[in-house]
Amino acid sequence: PFCVKELPNLQKQHAALKSAGIEVLAINVGEPKERVEKFLSKKDRLEFPILLDSDSQVASDYNLVGIPTFILIDAKGKIKSRSHNLPEDYQNFLK
């Protein structure tokens, strides 16, 4: 799946995102915990947390229509960007 292919890119970008004050959270949608743990055990360690949305409630709350979806939320909780790729100019959205 495309979301799995994006993990290495997100991992590469993580240090720059963190230094820009951006907290990265990956959310797995609709998979049981055991399956996610098995998948992650086969991958290199990720520098950001993977949260579980087994019942897809978070996906519903944010009206996700495809995966992956990158949502940039500012410190006040306002959604600044929503896309299926991490925007290259993500820092501009946080001003």
C-alpha atoms as a PDB file:
ATOM      1  CA  PRO A   1       0.000   0.000   0.000  1.00  0.00           C
ATOM      2  CA  PHE A   2       1.025   3.585  -0.656  1.00  0.00           C
ATOM      3  CA  CYS A   3       0.901   4.422   3.061  1.00  0.00           C
ATOM      4  CA  VAL A   4       3.626   1.837   3.725  1.00  0.00           C
ATOM      5  CA  LYS A   5       5.736   3.292   0.916  1.00  0.00           C
ATOM      6  CA  GLU A   6       5.515   6.728   2.550  1.00  0.00           C
ATOM      7  CA  LEU A   7       6.953   5.589   5.904  1.00  0.00           C
ATOM      8  CA  PRO A   8      10.628   5.765   4.812  1.00  0.00           C
ATOM      9  CA  ASN A   9      10.074   9.277   3.413  1.00  0.00           C
ATOM     10  CA  LEU A  10       8.397  10.393   6.618  1.00  0.00           C
ATOM     11  CA  GLN A  11      11.240   8.859   8.614  1.00  0.00           C
ATOM     12  CA  LYS A  12      13.778  10.818   6.514  1.00  0.00           C
ATOM     13  CA  GLN A  13      11.849  14.051   7.053  1.00  0.00           C
ATOM     14  CA  HIS A  14      11.275  13.470  10.771  1.00  0.00           C
ATOM     15  CA  ALA A  15      14.384  15.306  12.056  1.00  0.00           C
ATOM     16  CA  ALA A  16      13.626  18.395   9.960  1.00  0.00           C
ATOM     17  CA  LEU A  17       9.976  18.307  10.977  1.00  0.00           C
ATOM     18  CA  LYS A  18      10.895  17.971  14.643  1.00  0.00           C
ATOM     19  CA  SER A  19      13.365  20.869  14.462  1.00  0.00           C
ATOM     20  CA  ALA A  20      10.591  22.971  12.894  1.00  0.00           C
ATOM     21  CA  GLY A  21       8.430  22.244  15.925  1.00  0.00           C
ATOM     22  CA  ILE A  22       6.232  19.706  14.154  1.00  0.00           C
ATOM     23  CA  GLU A  23       5.205  16.623  16.074  1.00  0.00           C
ATOM     24  CA  VAL A  24       4.767  13.603  13.821  1.00  0.00           C
ATOM     25  CA  LEU A  25       2.151  11.013  14.689  1.00  0.00           C
ATOM     26  CA  ALA A  26       1.318   8.140  12.374  1.00  0.00           C
ATOM     27  CA  ILE A  27      -2.113   6.636  12.788  1.00  0.00           C
ATOM     28  CA  ASN A  28      -2.903   3.127  11.649  1.00  0.00           C
ATOM     29  CA  VAL A  29      -6.550   2.897  10.635  1.00  0.00           C
ATOM     30  CA  GLY A  30      -8.676  -0.201  10.972  1.00  0.00           C
ATOM     31  CA  GLU A  31      -6.015  -2.782  11.786  1.00  0.00           C
ATOM     32  CA  PRO A  32      -5.834  -4.870  14.965  1.00  0.00           C
ATOM     33  CA  LYS A  33      -2.954  -4.172  17.345  1.00  0.00           C
ATOM     34  CA  GLU A  34      -1.351  -7.582  16.785  1.00  0.00           C
ATOM     35  CA  ARG A  35      -1.150  -7.065  13.019  1.00  0.00           C
ATOM     36  CA  VAL A  36       0.399  -3.612  13.436  1.00  0.00           C
ATOM     37  CA  GLU A  37       2.956  -4.937  15.932  1.00  0.00           C
ATOM     38  CA  LYS A  38       3.882  -7.784  13.566  1.00  0.00           C
ATOM     39  CA  PHE A  39       4.316  -5.334  10.674  1.00  0.00           C
ATOM     40  CA  LEU A  40       6.445  -2.953  12.741  1.00  0.00           C
ATOM     41  CA  SER A  41       8.650  -5.778  14.015  1.00  0.00           C
ATOM     42  CA  LYS A  42       9.799  -6.312  10.416  1.00  0.00           C
ATOM     43  CA  LYS A  43      10.657  -2.634   9.846  1.00  0.00           C
ATOM     44  CA  ASP A  44      13.523  -0.446  10.958  1.00  0.00           C
ATOM     45  CA  ARG A  45      12.677   1.478  14.120  1.00  0.00           C
ATOM     46  CA  LEU A  46      10.600   4.567  13.419  1.00  0.00           C
ATOM     47  CA  GLU A  47      11.404   7.788  15.273  1.00  0.00           C
ATOM     48  CA  PHE A  48       7.760   8.754  15.721  1.00  0.00           C
ATOM     49  CA  PRO A  49       4.833   7.026  17.427  1.00  0.00           C
ATOM     50  CA  ILE A  50       2.318   4.848  15.613  1.00  0.00           C
ATOM     51  CA  LEU A  51      -1.140   5.262  17.102  1.00  0.00           C
ATOM     52  CA  LEU A  52      -3.931   2.744  16.609  1.00  0.00           C
ATOM     53  CA  ASP A  53      -7.348   3.701  15.290  1.00  0.00           C
ATOM     54  CA  SER A  54      -8.728   0.165  15.220  1.00  0.00           C
ATOM     55  CA  ASP A  55     -12.360   1.275  15.095  1.00  0.00           C
ATOM     56  CA  SER A  56     -11.622   4.058  12.543  1.00  0.00           C
ATOM     57  CA  GLN A  57     -13.079   6.731  14.836  1.00  0.00           C
ATOM     58  CA  VAL A  58     -10.211   9.190  14.269  1.00  0.00           C
ATOM     59  CA  ALA A  59     -10.448   8.615  10.516  1.00  0.00           C
ATOM     60  CA  SER A  60     -14.148   9.411  10.721  1.00  0.00           C
ATOM     61  CA  ASP A  61     -13.605  12.479  12.915  1.00  0.00           C
ATOM     62  CA  TYR A  62     -11.141  13.923  10.381  1.00  0.00           C
ATOM     63  CA  ASN A  63     -13.176  12.830   7.331  1.00  0.00           C
ATOM     64  CA  LEU A  64     -10.330  10.834   5.812  1.00  0.00           C
ATOM     65  CA  VAL A  65     -11.119   9.748   2.265  1.00  0.00           C
ATOM     66  CA  GLY A  66      -7.803   8.098   1.469  1.00  0.00           C
ATOM     67  CA  ILE A  67      -4.679   6.777   3.084  1.00  0.00           C
ATOM     68  CA  PRO A  68      -2.149   8.134   3.636  1.00  0.00           C
ATOM     69  CA  THR A  69      -3.455  11.549   4.558  1.00  0.00           C
ATOM     70  CA  PHE A  70      -1.127  14.178   5.976  1.00  0.00           C
ATOM     71  CA  ILE A  71      -2.863  16.718   8.179  1.00  0.00           C
ATOM     72  CA  LEU A  72      -0.906  19.677   9.511  1.00  0.00           C
ATOM     73  CA  ILE A  73      -2.519  21.075  12.647  1.00  0.00           C
ATOM     74  CA  ASP A  74      -1.156  24.234  14.245  1.00  0.00           C
ATOM     75  CA  ALA A  75      -0.600  24.773  17.968  1.00  0.00           C
ATOM     76  CA  LYS A  76      -4.137  26.180  18.305  1.00  0.00           C
ATOM     77  CA  GLY A  77      -5.666  23.026  16.825  1.00  0.00           C
ATOM     78  CA  LYS A  78      -6.513  24.570  13.452  1.00  0.00           C
ATOM     79  CA  ILE A  79      -6.034  22.386  10.379  1.00  0.00           C
ATOM     80  CA  LYS A  80      -3.578  24.216   8.127  1.00  0.00           C
ATOM     81  CA  SER A  81      -3.142  21.608   5.392  1.00  0.00           C
ATOM     82  CA  ARG A  82      -4.608  18.298   4.290  1.00  0.00           C
ATOM     83  CA  SER A  83      -3.135  16.235   1.453  1.00  0.00           C
ATOM     84  CA  HIS A  84      -2.125  12.734   0.448  1.00  0.00           C
ATOM     85  CA  ASN A  85       1.563  13.693   0.342  1.00  0.00           C
ATOM     86  CA  LEU A  86       3.651  15.580   2.865  1.00  0.00           C
ATOM     87  CA  PRO A  87       3.787  19.125   1.443  1.00  0.00           C
ATOM     88  CA  GLU A  88       7.349  20.129   0.585  1.00  0.00           C
ATOM     89  CA  ASP A  89       6.625  23.627   1.879  1.00  0.00           C
ATOM     90  CA  TYR A  90       5.104  22.397   5.143  1.00  0.00           C
ATOM     91  CA  GLN A  91       6.846  25.143   7.150  1.00  0.00           C
ATOM     92  CA  ASN A  92       4.816  27.798   5.324  1.00  0.00           C
ATOM     93  CA  PHE A  93       1.596  26.305   6.659  1.00  0.00           C
ATOM     94  CA  LEU A  94       2.704  26.760  10.246  1.00  0.00           C
ATOM     95  CA  LYS A  95       3.222  30.509  10.165  1.00  0.00           C
END
